[in-house]
Structures are given as structure tokens and as C-alpha cells.
Amino acid sequence: MISHGVLRRIVATVKEESRQYAIIVDGTQDCTGQEQESFCVRYVNAELEPAEAFLWLYLPNDTKGSTIADVMDALLRLDLPIHDLRGQTYDGCCQHGR
């Protein structure tokens, strides 16, 4: 409940201070080799400074672009409209046949 409340507050801040945002998706492996994707949001705060906030960590079945794109529907559940999305950054995309 606490993490969900924090997530909702981050989204409210983005919508109140900036409305427009970008998504940063970065993948890494833990010590067991399990791939994890972190999702962050980047926006301009009320002081007109760039700000970034961690949203969630996702354990995908694979690292194909289509799999990561399916997770993007969570933006809609958070009520972050896709038409306000201004940028997307992915680390390690399309390497080694992924």
C-alpha cells in the first residue's frame, strides 16, 4: 500500500508540475543472471529543473522490444497519457538478436 501511494504521488507530481514526460528503461542482470528492467520517468519540475523518479522494477520473460512495449501499458493504468510522452530511452535494445 505504501509503495502504491508513493507511485501515485510521483505520477501526480509529474502531471501537476510538467504534464509532459519521458520514460527511461534500463536493463541489468542480478548476480543470478536474472534480467531486470527498471522504469523511470523524467520530467521538468516546478523550478524548471529536470527531475527523474524511479517507477518500478520489472522481470521480463525476455528482452525483446515487443515485451518491453507491452509493459508500457502500465502508463495508461497510472493515468499517464501516451500523448504527453515526449521521449523514450532504452539501454541495450536490439543487441545480440534481441
Protein backbone atom coordinates (compact mmCIF):
# COMPACT_ATOMS: atom_id res chain seq x y z
CA MET A 1 0.00 0.00 0.00
CA ILE A 2 2.82 2.40 0.83
CA SER A 3 4.69 1.78 -2.44
CA HIS A 4 1.47 2.21 -4.41
CA GLY A 5 0.82 5.51 -2.63
CA VAL A 6 4.36 6.70 -3.41
CA LEU A 7 3.92 5.73 -7.06
CA ARG A 8 0.62 7.63 -7.27
CA ARG A 9 2.27 10.69 -5.70
CA ILE A 10 5.10 10.61 -8.26
CA VAL A 11 2.55 10.45 -11.08
CA ALA A 12 0.55 13.31 -9.54
CA THR A 13 3.73 15.41 -9.33
CA VAL A 14 4.54 14.78 -12.99
CA LYS A 15 1.00 15.71 -14.02
CA GLU A 16 0.85 18.82 -11.82
CA GLU A 17 4.33 20.23 -12.48
CA SER A 18 5.04 19.21 -16.04
CA ARG A 19 2.36 17.12 -17.73
CA GLN A 20 4.85 16.09 -20.41
CA TYR A 21 7.34 13.37 -19.56
CA ALA A 22 9.83 10.85 -20.90
CA ILE A 23 10.40 7.21 -19.97
CA ILE A 24 13.79 5.67 -19.25
CA VAL A 25 14.02 1.87 -19.42
CA ASP A 26 17.30 0.29 -18.37
CA GLY A 27 18.06 -3.40 -18.11
CA THR A 28 20.54 -5.19 -15.93
CA GLN A 29 21.17 -8.67 -14.60
CA ASP A 30 21.36 -9.56 -10.94
CA CYS A 31 24.03 -11.93 -9.55
CA THR A 32 21.96 -14.98 -10.60
CA GLY A 33 21.72 -13.79 -14.22
CA GLN A 34 18.03 -12.80 -13.96
CA GLU A 35 17.27 -9.89 -16.29
CA GLN A 36 15.53 -6.92 -14.67
CA GLU A 37 14.21 -3.77 -16.32
CA SER A 38 13.89 -0.54 -14.37
CA PHE A 39 11.34 2.06 -15.45
CA CYS A 40 11.89 5.71 -14.57
CA VAL A 41 10.10 8.90 -15.54
CA ARG A 42 11.86 12.14 -16.46
CA TYR A 43 10.09 15.49 -16.36
CA VAL A 44 10.64 19.17 -15.66
CA ASN A 45 9.69 20.15 -12.09
CA ALA A 46 8.10 23.36 -10.83
CA GLU A 47 11.54 25.03 -10.62
CA LEU A 48 12.06 24.22 -14.33
CA GLU A 49 14.78 21.73 -13.47
CA PRO A 50 14.95 18.24 -14.97
CA ALA A 51 13.86 15.57 -12.49
CA GLU A 52 13.84 11.78 -12.62
CA ALA A 53 11.91 9.32 -10.48
CA PHE A 54 12.03 5.52 -10.29
CA LEU A 55 8.63 3.95 -11.02
CA TRP A 56 9.09 0.19 -10.86
CA LEU A 57 11.31 -2.82 -11.50
CA TYR A 58 10.07 -5.46 -13.94
CA LEU A 59 11.24 -9.05 -14.51
CA PRO A 60 10.54 -9.71 -18.20
CA ASN A 61 10.29 -13.12 -19.86
CA ASP A 62 12.73 -11.84 -22.49
CA THR A 63 14.26 -8.54 -23.56
CA LYS A 64 12.58 -8.19 -26.95
CA GLY A 65 11.26 -4.74 -27.75
CA SER A 66 7.73 -6.10 -28.04
CA THR A 67 7.88 -7.48 -24.49
CA ILE A 68 9.06 -4.17 -23.08
CA ALA A 69 6.44 -2.30 -25.13
CA ASP A 70 3.71 -4.47 -23.57
CA VAL A 71 4.78 -3.23 -20.13
CA MET A 72 4.32 0.35 -21.31
CA ASP A 73 0.54 -0.15 -21.00
CA ALA A 74 1.13 0.36 -17.27
CA LEU A 75 1.46 4.06 -18.11
CA LEU A 76 -2.20 4.04 -19.03
CA ARG A 77 -3.14 2.35 -15.75
CA LEU A 78 -1.21 5.09 -13.95
CA ASP A 79 -3.18 7.67 -15.94
CA LEU A 80 -0.06 8.98 -17.69
CA PRO A 81 -1.40 9.69 -21.18
CA ILE A 82 0.69 8.43 -24.06
CA HIS A 83 0.06 11.69 -25.95
CA ASP A 84 2.09 13.50 -23.23
CA LEU A 85 5.03 11.10 -23.65
CA ARG A 86 7.82 13.11 -25.29
CA GLY A 87 10.77 10.73 -25.18
CA GLN A 88 11.80 7.13 -24.68
CA THR A 89 15.24 5.83 -23.77
CA TYR A 90 16.15 2.15 -23.76
CA ASP A 91 19.53 0.73 -22.80
CA GLY A 92 20.84 -2.34 -24.60
CA CYS A 93 17.95 -2.56 -27.06
CA CYS A 94 18.34 -4.85 -30.08
CA GLN A 95 21.67 -6.37 -29.11
CA HIS A 96 22.54 -9.96 -29.98
CA GLY A 97 19.31 -10.62 -31.84
CA ARG A 98 17.05 -9.37 -29.08
